[in-house]
Amino acid sequence: MSSENSRVPSFAMGNPAAVFLAAEQPNTISVQGFKITTEKRPILKAEPIEDMTKRLGIAPPEMIFGDNFVSIQHEKSRWGINFNAFDALDRVDKTGASMLKVAYSKEWQRSREKTHEGIKEVVKPFDWSYTTDYTGTVQAGGRSFEPTTKSISLELLKRPDPILFFDEVILYEDELADNGITMLSCKIRVMPARLLLLSRFFLRLDNVLFRLRDTRVYIDFENKEVIREFQSKELDYETVRQTLTTTRDDVPAVMRDPNRLSEILPLREKRLERVTLED
């Protein structure tokens, strides 16, 4: 472990009783009984990729960060939620029924077969955009989410609270044979009284479609309340392009910016769930 990675950030010095940042795990922080951990490692090498391909039954994306994850655990109740690449990809349509039509899809399929020619039996038609509705993996034995009408408090998130911990973790990415981009990533920020995690699937398939699928996990530390929100947004490529041409925005730049696109794409689906934890 490098000395740089071992440094305890200055924010942990002020109130050691409230926040403890584990020195042996620089990507771990504990706040009011919740342990938050992030892991960022290099792209998987050939052997782990082949193993993942066999287990998933589909060829994984070009850039697969199979060792990366974001984890939140409430230690007393043994409740936890984890975001990782394998579980997200396991929810990709493996039948080909949801495959988006694009001119280069056959060429893309052939390139995947060549990449994994030693295990061709698992390379079959599937949703090559890697669209997933993954909302995280809840720890076995923990309390389950239940439907709710209670929304995440935007007013509380707008408060200028100090950021105790922030990280961004990419789980997978693919340029779709130069036809666009698909990416699944997680961002998490931890404040003294609450945290917010955003897991975002972003797809831009040139001349076809824009798609966003956002999962937000909000935790109030004092009330031990967890709210999970899932939103799905999408719109055809040409409509987005025409909408942007009526603005003064840099169109190519906005087409690569999920935050800006989220303001444009219409909402297709929204779900709210809640779980309250006990010590």
C-alpha atoms as a PDB file:
ATOM      1  CA  MET A   1       0.000   0.000   0.000  1.00  0.00           C
ATOM      2  CA  SER A   2       1.457   3.332  -1.042  1.00  0.00           C
ATOM      3  CA  SER A   3       1.877   6.144   1.452  1.00  0.00           C
ATOM      4  CA  GLU A   4      -0.458   8.257  -0.674  1.00  0.00           C
ATOM      5  CA  ASN A   5      -3.248   5.698  -0.395  1.00  0.00           C
ATOM      6  CA  SER A   6      -2.619   5.360   3.327  1.00  0.00           C
ATOM      7  CA  ARG A   7      -3.192   9.000   4.165  1.00  0.00           C
ATOM      8  CA  VAL A   8      -6.195   9.792   6.320  1.00  0.00           C
ATOM      9  CA  PRO A   9      -8.092  12.705   4.724  1.00  0.00           C
ATOM     10  CA  SER A  10      -8.250  15.903   6.742  1.00  0.00           C
ATOM     11  CA  PHE A  11     -12.017  15.605   7.191  1.00  0.00           C
ATOM     12  CA  ALA A  12     -11.470  12.562   9.424  1.00  0.00           C
ATOM     13  CA  MET A  13      -9.288  14.539  11.816  1.00  0.00           C
ATOM     14  CA  GLY A  14     -11.969  16.912  13.074  1.00  0.00           C
ATOM     15  CA  ASN A  15     -14.370  14.553  14.840  1.00  0.00           C
ATOM     16  CA  PRO A  16     -12.894  11.064  15.227  1.00  0.00           C
ATOM     17  CA  ALA A  17     -15.800   9.938  17.426  1.00  0.00           C
ATOM     18  CA  ALA A  18     -18.343  10.562  14.650  1.00  0.00           C
ATOM     19  CA  VAL A  19     -16.378   9.256  11.698  1.00  0.00           C
ATOM     20  CA  PHE A  20     -13.754   6.549  11.480  1.00  0.00           C
ATOM     21  CA  LEU A  21     -11.844   6.043   8.231  1.00  0.00           C
ATOM     22  CA  ALA A  22     -10.127   2.661   8.264  1.00  0.00           C
ATOM     23  CA  ALA A  23      -6.432   3.105   7.585  1.00  0.00           C
ATOM     24  CA  GLU A  24      -5.981  -0.422   6.278  1.00  0.00           C
ATOM     25  CA  GLN A  25      -8.768   0.112   3.729  1.00  0.00           C
ATOM     26  CA  PRO A  26      -8.470   3.628   2.276  1.00  0.00           C
ATOM     27  CA  ASN A  27     -11.700   3.191   0.298  1.00  0.00           C
ATOM     28  CA  THR A  28     -13.740   2.405   3.401  1.00  0.00           C
ATOM     29  CA  ILE A  29     -15.499   4.793   5.749  1.00  0.00           C
ATOM     30  CA  SER A  30     -17.814   4.102   8.682  1.00  0.00           C
ATOM     31  CA  VAL A  31     -20.458   6.642   9.718  1.00  0.00           C
ATOM     32  CA  GLN A  32     -23.044   6.093  12.444  1.00  0.00           C
ATOM     33  CA  GLY A  33     -23.039   2.321  12.085  1.00  0.00           C
ATOM     34  CA  PHE A  34     -22.974   2.258   8.262  1.00  0.00           C
ATOM     35  CA  LYS A  35     -19.852   0.972   6.499  1.00  0.00           C
ATOM     36  CA  ILE A  36     -19.285   2.217   2.946  1.00  0.00           C
ATOM     37  CA  THR A  37     -16.647   0.554   0.765  1.00  0.00           C
ATOM     38  CA  THR A  38     -15.546   1.170  -2.812  1.00  0.00           C
ATOM     39  CA  GLU A  39     -13.044  -0.829  -4.842  1.00  0.00           C
ATOM     40  CA  LYS A  40     -11.428   0.236  -8.126  1.00  0.00           C
ATOM     41  CA  ARG A  41      -9.119  -2.166  -9.921  1.00  0.00           C
ATOM     42  CA  PRO A  42      -7.857  -2.584 -13.512  1.00  0.00           C
ATOM     43  CA  ILE A  43      -9.834  -4.104 -16.375  1.00  0.00           C
ATOM     44  CA  LEU A  44     -10.115  -7.871 -16.131  1.00  0.00           C
ATOM     45  CA  LYS A  45      -7.515  -9.942 -17.963  1.00  0.00           C
ATOM     46  CA  ALA A  46      -8.222 -12.784 -20.392  1.00  0.00           C
ATOM     47  CA  GLU A  47      -8.658 -15.675 -17.961  1.00  0.00           C
ATOM     48  CA  PRO A  48     -11.148 -13.950 -15.616  1.00  0.00           C
ATOM     49  CA  ILE A  49     -13.043 -12.672 -18.684  1.00  0.00           C
ATOM     50  CA  GLU A  50     -13.390 -16.216 -20.047  1.00  0.00           C
ATOM     51  CA  ASP A  51     -14.621 -17.400 -16.670  1.00  0.00           C
ATOM     52  CA  MET A  52     -17.169 -14.574 -16.525  1.00  0.00           C
ATOM     53  CA  THR A  53     -18.304 -15.334 -20.079  1.00  0.00           C
ATOM     54  CA  LYS A  54     -19.001 -18.966 -19.186  1.00  0.00           C
ATOM     55  CA  ARG A  55     -20.854 -18.009 -16.005  1.00  0.00           C
ATOM     56  CA  LEU A  56     -22.945 -15.288 -17.654  1.00  0.00           C
ATOM     57  CA  GLY A  57     -23.637 -17.123 -20.898  1.00  0.00           C
ATOM     58  CA  ILE A  58     -22.908 -13.958 -22.899  1.00  0.00           C
ATOM     59  CA  ALA A  59     -19.765 -12.157 -24.012  1.00  0.00           C
ATOM     60  CA  PRO A  60     -19.001  -9.319 -21.573  1.00  0.00           C
ATOM     61  CA  PRO A  61     -18.348  -5.701 -22.646  1.00  0.00           C
ATOM     62  CA  GLU A  62     -14.969  -4.586 -23.998  1.00  0.00           C
ATOM     63  CA  MET A  63     -14.003  -2.939 -20.729  1.00  0.00           C
ATOM     64  CA  ILE A  64     -15.165  -5.034 -17.820  1.00  0.00           C
ATOM     65  CA  PHE A  65     -14.142  -4.000 -14.321  1.00  0.00           C
ATOM     66  CA  GLY A  66     -15.151  -7.240 -12.679  1.00  0.00           C
ATOM     67  CA  ASP A  67     -13.336  -6.569  -9.398  1.00  0.00           C
ATOM     68  CA  ASN A  68     -14.893  -3.150  -8.873  1.00  0.00           C
ATOM     69  CA  PHE A  69     -17.783  -2.643  -6.497  1.00  0.00           C
ATOM     70  CA  VAL A  70     -19.588  -0.255  -4.177  1.00  0.00           C
ATOM     71  CA  SER A  71     -20.895  -1.674  -0.922  1.00  0.00           C
ATOM     72  CA  ILE A  72     -23.063  -0.242   1.875  1.00  0.00           C
ATOM     73  CA  GLN A  73     -23.546  -2.241   5.063  1.00  0.00           C
ATOM     74  CA  HIS A  74     -25.429  -1.589   8.272  1.00  0.00           C
ATOM     75  CA  GLU A  75     -23.362  -3.698  10.592  1.00  0.00           C
ATOM     76  CA  LYS A  76     -25.790  -4.207  13.507  1.00  0.00           C
ATOM     77  CA  SER A  77     -28.786  -5.271  11.436  1.00  0.00           C
ATOM     78  CA  ARG A  78     -26.570  -7.138   8.925  1.00  0.00           C
ATOM     79  CA  TRP A  79     -28.365  -5.395   6.073  1.00  0.00           C
ATOM     80  CA  GLY A  80     -26.326  -4.457   3.037  1.00  0.00           C
ATOM     81  CA  ILE A  81     -26.469  -3.583  -0.643  1.00  0.00           C
ATOM     82  CA  ASN A  82     -23.719  -4.076  -3.218  1.00  0.00           C
ATOM     83  CA  PHE A  83     -23.259  -2.892  -6.799  1.00  0.00           C
ATOM     84  CA  ASN A  84     -21.010  -5.029  -9.025  1.00  0.00           C
ATOM     85  CA  ALA A  85     -20.534  -5.781 -12.712  1.00  0.00           C
ATOM     86  CA  PHE A  86     -21.385  -9.487 -12.729  1.00  0.00           C
ATOM     87  CA  ASP A  87     -24.801  -9.125 -11.122  1.00  0.00           C
ATOM     88  CA  ALA A  88     -25.594  -6.157 -13.377  1.00  0.00           C
ATOM     89  CA  LEU A  89     -24.664  -8.087 -16.540  1.00  0.00           C
ATOM     90  CA  ASP A  90     -26.621 -11.097 -15.336  1.00  0.00           C
ATOM     91  CA  ARG A  91     -29.765  -9.002 -15.815  1.00  0.00           C
ATOM     92  CA  VAL A  92     -28.995  -8.245 -19.484  1.00  0.00           C
ATOM     93  CA  ASP A  93     -31.472  -9.911 -21.865  1.00  0.00           C
ATOM     94  CA  LYS A  94     -29.827 -13.151 -22.997  1.00  0.00           C
ATOM     95  CA  THR A  95     -32.462 -14.167 -25.525  1.00  0.00           C
ATOM     96  CA  GLY A  96     -31.831 -11.493 -28.138  1.00  0.00           C
ATOM     97  CA  ALA A  97     -35.463 -10.364 -27.881  1.00  0.00           C
ATOM     98  CA  SER A  98     -34.404  -6.881 -26.738  1.00  0.00           C
ATOM     99  CA  MET A  99     -31.547  -6.510 -29.208  1.00  0.00           C
ATOM    100  CA  LEU A 100     -31.482  -3.058 -30.767  1.00  0.00           C
ATOM    101  CA  LYS A 101     -31.262  -3.075 -34.549  1.00  0.00           C
ATOM    102  CA  VAL A 102     -28.232  -1.320 -35.996  1.00  0.00           C
ATOM    103  CA  ALA A 103     -26.334  -1.634 -39.252  1.00  0.00           C
ATOM    104  CA  TYR A 104     -23.188  -3.037 -37.691  1.00  0.00           C
ATOM    105  CA  SER A 105     -24.751  -5.551 -35.288  1.00  0.00           C
ATOM    106  CA  LYS A 106     -23.670  -8.564 -37.374  1.00  0.00           C
ATOM    107  CA  GLU A 107     -20.112  -7.280 -37.594  1.00  0.00           C
ATOM    108  CA  TRP A 108     -20.141  -6.687 -33.838  1.00  0.00           C
ATOM    109  CA  GLN A 109     -21.355 -10.244 -33.236  1.00  0.00           C
ATOM    110  CA  ARG A 110     -18.569 -11.643 -35.422  1.00  0.00           C
ATOM    111  CA  SER A 111     -15.986  -9.587 -33.535  1.00  0.00           C
ATOM    112  CA  ARG A 112     -17.245 -11.041 -30.252  1.00  0.00           C
ATOM    113  CA  GLU A 113     -17.062 -14.570 -31.644  1.00  0.00           C
ATOM    114  CA  LYS A 114     -13.463 -13.989 -32.709  1.00  0.00           C
ATOM    115  CA  THR A 115     -12.536 -12.539 -29.316  1.00  0.00           C
ATOM    116  CA  HIS A 116     -14.023 -15.557 -27.545  1.00  0.00           C
ATOM    117  CA  GLU A 117     -13.418 -18.153 -30.269  1.00  0.00           C
ATOM    118  CA  GLY A 118     -12.283 -20.728 -27.678  1.00  0.00           C
ATOM    119  CA  ILE A 119     -15.723 -20.630 -26.052  1.00  0.00           C
ATOM    120  CA  LYS A 120     -18.031 -19.966 -28.991  1.00  0.00           C
ATOM    121  CA  GLU A 121     -20.836 -21.991 -27.485  1.00  0.00           C
ATOM    122  CA  VAL A 122     -21.662 -19.159 -25.105  1.00  0.00           C
ATOM    123  CA  VAL A 123     -21.561 -16.392 -27.721  1.00  0.00           C
ATOM    124  CA  LYS A 124     -25.166 -16.171 -28.871  1.00  0.00           C
ATOM    125  CA  PRO A 125     -27.709 -13.481 -29.702  1.00  0.00           C
ATOM    126  CA  PHE A 126     -28.363 -11.185 -26.754  1.00  0.00           C
ATOM    127  CA  ASP A 127     -28.917  -7.497 -26.046  1.00  0.00           C
ATOM    128  CA  TRP A 128     -25.544  -6.257 -27.227  1.00  0.00           C
ATOM    129  CA  SER A 129     -26.244  -2.788 -25.762  1.00  0.00           C
ATOM    130  CA  TYR A 130     -25.846  -4.397 -22.306  1.00  0.00           C
ATOM    131  CA  THR A 131     -28.962  -2.622 -21.059  1.00  0.00           C
ATOM    132  CA  THR A 132     -29.668  -3.625 -17.475  1.00  0.00           C
ATOM    133  CA  ASP A 133     -32.369  -2.849 -14.932  1.00  0.00           C
ATOM    134  CA  TYR A 134     -29.979  -3.704 -12.099  1.00  0.00           C
ATOM    135  CA  THR A 135     -30.781  -1.905  -8.835  1.00  0.00           C
ATOM    136  CA  GLY A 136     -28.149  -3.483  -6.619  1.00  0.00           C
ATOM    137  CA  THR A 137     -27.675  -6.778  -4.818  1.00  0.00           C
ATOM    138  CA  VAL A 138     -29.256  -6.876  -1.365  1.00  0.00           C
ATOM    139  CA  GLN A 139     -27.303  -8.946   1.140  1.00  0.00           C
ATOM    140  CA  ALA A 140     -28.869 -12.351   1.749  1.00  0.00           C
ATOM    141  CA  GLY A 141     -30.805 -12.552   4.987  1.00  0.00           C
ATOM    142  CA  GLY A 142     -31.276  -8.805   5.235  1.00  0.00           C
ATOM    143  CA  ARG A 143     -34.556  -6.942   5.259  1.00  0.00           C
ATOM    144  CA  SER A 144     -36.218  -6.603   1.864  1.00  0.00           C
ATOM    145  CA  PHE A 145     -37.316  -3.409   0.162  1.00  0.00           C
ATOM    146  CA  GLU A 146     -41.046  -2.746   0.029  1.00  0.00           C
ATOM    147  CA  PRO A 147     -42.943  -0.416  -2.328  1.00  0.00           C
ATOM    148  CA  THR A 148     -43.452   3.114  -1.027  1.00  0.00           C
ATOM    149  CA  THR A 149     -44.693   6.510  -2.146  1.00  0.00           C
ATOM    150  CA  LYS A 150     -42.057   8.357  -0.124  1.00  0.00           C
ATOM    151  CA  SER A 151     -39.538  10.135  -2.334  1.00  0.00           C
ATOM    152  CA  ILE A 152     -35.902  11.011  -1.735  1.00  0.00           C
ATOM    153  CA  SER A 153     -35.643  14.398  -0.002  1.00  0.00           C
ATOM    154  CA  LEU A 154     -34.072  16.755  -2.525  1.00  0.00           C
ATOM    155  CA  GLU A 155     -34.159  19.607  -0.013  1.00  0.00           C
ATOM    156  CA  LEU A 156     -31.968  17.701   2.424  1.00  0.00           C
ATOM    157  CA  LEU A 157     -29.531  16.819  -0.376  1.00  0.00           C
ATOM    158  CA  LYS A 158     -29.283  20.496  -1.351  1.00  0.00           C
ATOM    159  CA  ARG A 159     -27.948  21.443   2.064  1.00  0.00           C
ATOM    160  CA  PRO A 160     -24.283  22.543   2.058  1.00  0.00           C
ATOM    161  CA  ASP A 161     -23.250  19.646   4.302  1.00  0.00           C
ATOM    162  CA  PRO A 162     -19.577  18.657   4.309  1.00  0.00           C
ATOM    163  CA  ILE A 163     -18.701  15.732   2.044  1.00  0.00           C
ATOM    164  CA  LEU A 164     -17.009  13.101   4.184  1.00  0.00           C
ATOM    165  CA  PHE A 165     -16.427  10.661   1.348  1.00  0.00           C
ATOM    166  CA  PHE A 166     -16.889  10.632  -2.427  1.00  0.00           C
ATOM    167  CA  ASP A 167     -16.014   8.107  -5.090  1.00  0.00           C
ATOM    168  CA  GLU A 168     -16.945   7.111  -8.633  1.00  0.00           C
ATOM    169  CA  VAL A 169     -16.616   3.519  -9.788  1.00  0.00           C
ATOM    170  CA  ILE A 170     -17.036   2.234 -13.361  1.00  0.00           C
ATOM    171  CA  LEU A 171     -18.397  -1.308 -13.618  1.00  0.00           C
ATOM    172  CA  TYR A 172     -18.371  -1.775 -17.396  1.00  0.00           C
ATOM    173  CA  GLU A 173     -18.087   0.141 -20.660  1.00  0.00           C
ATOM    174  CA  ASP A 174     -18.273  -0.647 -24.374  1.00  0.00           C
ATOM    175  CA  GLU A 175     -18.033   1.496 -27.509  1.00  0.00           C
ATOM    176  CA  LEU A 176     -20.459  -0.792 -29.365  1.00  0.00           C
ATOM    177  CA  ALA A 177     -18.204  -1.317 -32.370  1.00  0.00           C
ATOM    178  CA  ASP A 178     -17.812   2.462 -32.742  1.00  0.00           C
ATOM    179  CA  ASN A 179     -21.585   2.900 -32.854  1.00  0.00           C
ATOM    180  CA  GLY A 180     -21.846   4.806 -29.581  1.00  0.00           C
ATOM    181  CA  ILE A 181     -21.241   3.987 -25.933  1.00  0.00           C
ATOM    182  CA  THR A 182     -22.766   1.957 -23.148  1.00  0.00           C
ATOM    183  CA  MET A 183     -21.611   2.358 -19.551  1.00  0.00           C
ATOM    184  CA  LEU A 184     -22.605   1.392 -16.041  1.00  0.00           C
ATOM    185  CA  SER A 185     -21.101   3.433 -13.226  1.00  0.00           C
ATOM    186  CA  CYS A 186     -21.690   4.269  -9.568  1.00  0.00           C
ATOM    187  CA  LYS A 187     -21.160   7.515  -7.693  1.00  0.00           C
ATOM    188  CA  ILE A 188     -21.476   7.803  -3.946  1.00  0.00           C
ATOM    189  CA  ARG A 189     -21.211  10.743  -1.583  1.00  0.00           C
ATOM    190  CA  VAL A 190     -21.400  10.511   2.174  1.00  0.00           C
ATOM    191  CA  MET A 191     -22.387  13.399   4.459  1.00  0.00           C
ATOM    192  CA  PRO A 192     -22.511  13.394   8.289  1.00  0.00           C
ATOM    193  CA  ALA A 193     -26.272  12.665   8.411  1.00  0.00           C
ATOM    194  CA  ARG A 194     -26.983  10.897   5.121  1.00  0.00           C
ATOM    195  CA  LEU A 195     -25.589   9.374   1.937  1.00  0.00           C
ATOM    196  CA  LEU A 196     -26.630   9.191  -1.694  1.00  0.00           C
ATOM    197  CA  LEU A 197     -25.554   6.584  -4.224  1.00  0.00           C
ATOM    198  CA  LEU A 198     -26.303   6.915  -7.943  1.00  0.00           C
ATOM    199  CA  SER A 199     -25.898   3.865 -10.155  1.00  0.00           C
ATOM    200  CA  ARG A 200     -26.334   4.990 -13.762  1.00  0.00           C
ATOM    201  CA  PHE A 201     -26.647   2.980 -16.956  1.00  0.00           C
ATOM    202  CA  PHE A 202     -26.039   5.228 -19.971  1.00  0.00           C
ATOM    203  CA  LEU A 203     -26.540   4.201 -23.602  1.00  0.00           C
ATOM    204  CA  ARG A 204     -25.998   6.257 -26.717  1.00  0.00           C
ATOM    205  CA  LEU A 205     -26.543   4.194 -29.841  1.00  0.00           C
ATOM    206  CA  ASP A 206     -25.766   6.493 -32.745  1.00  0.00           C
ATOM    207  CA  ASN A 207     -28.711   7.190 -35.043  1.00  0.00           C
ATOM    208  CA  VAL A 208     -30.911   4.901 -32.932  1.00  0.00           C
ATOM    209  CA  LEU A 209     -31.469   5.720 -29.249  1.00  0.00           C
ATOM    210  CA  PHE A 210     -30.485   7.437 -26.003  1.00  0.00           C
ATOM    211  CA  ARG A 211     -31.264   5.563 -22.772  1.00  0.00           C
ATOM    212  CA  LEU A 212     -30.688   6.255 -19.077  1.00  0.00           C
ATOM    213  CA  ARG A 213     -31.491   3.959 -16.172  1.00  0.00           C
ATOM    214  CA  ASP A 214     -30.765   5.482 -12.779  1.00  0.00           C
ATOM    215  CA  THR A 215     -30.876   3.803  -9.391  1.00  0.00           C
ATOM    216  CA  ARG A 216     -30.565   6.111  -6.390  1.00  0.00           C
ATOM    217  CA  VAL A 217     -30.055   4.797  -2.879  1.00  0.00           C
ATOM    218  CA  TYR A 218     -30.627   7.374  -0.153  1.00  0.00           C
ATOM    219  CA  ILE A 219     -29.919   6.614   3.503  1.00  0.00           C
ATOM    220  CA  ASP A 220     -30.838   8.720   6.519  1.00  0.00           C
ATOM    221  CA  PHE A 221     -28.352   7.620   9.178  1.00  0.00           C
ATOM    222  CA  GLU A 222     -30.351   8.794  12.193  1.00  0.00           C
ATOM    223  CA  ASN A 223     -33.654   7.209  11.162  1.00  0.00           C
ATOM    224  CA  LYS A 224     -31.897   4.215   9.592  1.00  0.00           C
ATOM    225  CA  GLU A 225     -34.203   4.612   6.621  1.00  0.00           C
ATOM    226  CA  VAL A 226     -33.196   3.524   3.116  1.00  0.00           C
ATOM    227  CA  ILE A 227     -35.077   4.731   0.036  1.00  0.00           C
ATOM    228  CA  ARG A 228     -34.299   3.253  -3.376  1.00  0.00           C
ATOM    229  CA  GLU A 229     -35.522   4.980  -6.513  1.00  0.00           C
ATOM    230  CA  PHE A 230     -35.333   3.544 -10.029  1.00  0.00           C
ATOM    231  CA  GLN A 231     -35.945   5.697 -13.096  1.00  0.00           C
ATOM    232  CA  SER A 232     -35.825   4.734 -16.755  1.00  0.00           C
ATOM    233  CA  LYS A 233     -35.623   7.395 -19.475  1.00  0.00           C
ATOM    234  CA  GLU A 234     -35.147   7.085 -23.222  1.00  0.00           C
ATOM    235  CA  LEU A 235     -35.782   8.826 -26.529  1.00  0.00           C
ATOM    236  CA  ASP A 236     -34.897   8.200 -30.133  1.00  0.00           C
ATOM    237  CA  TYR A 237     -31.632   9.680 -31.370  1.00  0.00           C
ATOM    238  CA  GLU A 238     -33.058  11.970 -34.051  1.00  0.00           C
ATOM    239  CA  THR A 239     -35.574  13.612 -31.717  1.00  0.00           C
ATOM    240  CA  VAL A 240     -32.808  14.380 -29.220  1.00  0.00           C
ATOM    241  CA  ARG A 241     -30.610  15.785 -31.978  1.00  0.00           C
ATOM    242  CA  GLN A 242     -33.391  18.017 -33.291  1.00  0.00           C
ATOM    243  CA  THR A 243     -34.222  19.223 -29.782  1.00  0.00           C
ATOM    244  CA  LEU A 244     -30.620  20.206 -29.168  1.00  0.00           C
ATOM    245  CA  THR A 245     -30.295  22.097 -32.455  1.00  0.00           C
ATOM    246  CA  THR A 246     -32.917  24.572 -31.186  1.00  0.00           C
ATOM    247  CA  THR A 247     -30.661  25.496 -28.253  1.00  0.00           C
ATOM    248  CA  ARG A 248     -27.314  27.231 -28.019  1.00  0.00           C
ATOM    249  CA  ASP A 249     -25.726  24.129 -26.561  1.00  0.00           C
ATOM    250  CA  ASP A 250     -22.720  22.353 -27.994  1.00  0.00           C
ATOM    251  CA  VAL A 251     -24.709  19.452 -29.482  1.00  0.00           C
ATOM    252  CA  PRO A 252     -21.886  16.860 -29.689  1.00  0.00           C
ATOM    253  CA  ALA A 253     -20.842  17.649 -26.123  1.00  0.00           C
ATOM    254  CA  VAL A 254     -24.371  17.292 -24.727  1.00  0.00           C
ATOM    255  CA  MET A 255     -24.787  13.985 -26.557  1.00  0.00           C
ATOM    256  CA  ARG A 256     -21.910  12.661 -24.433  1.00  0.00           C
ATOM    257  CA  ASP A 257     -23.189  14.150 -21.174  1.00  0.00           C
ATOM    258  CA  PRO A 258     -25.665  11.931 -19.266  1.00  0.00           C
ATOM    259  CA  ASN A 259     -26.436  14.718 -16.775  1.00  0.00           C
ATOM    260  CA  ARG A 260     -27.589  17.078 -19.511  1.00  0.00           C
ATOM    261  CA  LEU A 261     -29.407  14.328 -21.385  1.00  0.00           C
ATOM    262  CA  SER A 262     -31.314  13.438 -18.235  1.00  0.00           C
ATOM    263  CA  GLU A 263     -32.991  16.850 -18.486  1.00  0.00           C
ATOM    264  CA  ILE A 264     -34.168  16.060 -22.020  1.00  0.00           C
ATOM    265  CA  LEU A 265     -35.139  12.401 -22.018  1.00  0.00           C
ATOM    266  CA  PRO A 266     -38.738  11.665 -20.985  1.00  0.00           C
ATOM    267  CA  LEU A 267     -39.462   9.418 -18.008  1.00  0.00           C
ATOM    268  CA  ARG A 268     -40.641   5.943 -19.011  1.00  0.00           C
ATOM    269  CA  GLU A 269     -40.708   4.200 -15.653  1.00  0.00           C
ATOM    270  CA  LYS A 270     -40.270   5.050 -11.972  1.00  0.00           C
ATOM    271  CA  ARG A 271     -40.254   2.841  -8.887  1.00  0.00           C
ATOM    272  CA  LEU A 272     -39.832   3.728  -5.209  1.00  0.00           C
ATOM    273  CA  GLU A 273     -38.922   1.275  -2.450  1.00  0.00           C
ATOM    274  CA  ARG A 274     -38.135   1.634   1.231  1.00  0.00           C
ATOM    275  CA  VAL A 275     -36.620  -0.340   4.081  1.00  0.00           C
ATOM    276  CA  THR A 276     -36.170   0.674   7.719  1.00  0.00           C
ATOM    277  CA  LEU A 277     -33.340  -0.951   9.646  1.00  0.00           C
ATOM    278  CA  GLU A 278     -33.079  -1.864  13.299  1.00  0.00           C
ATOM    279  CA  ASP A 279     -30.034  -2.110  15.567  1.00  0.00           C
END
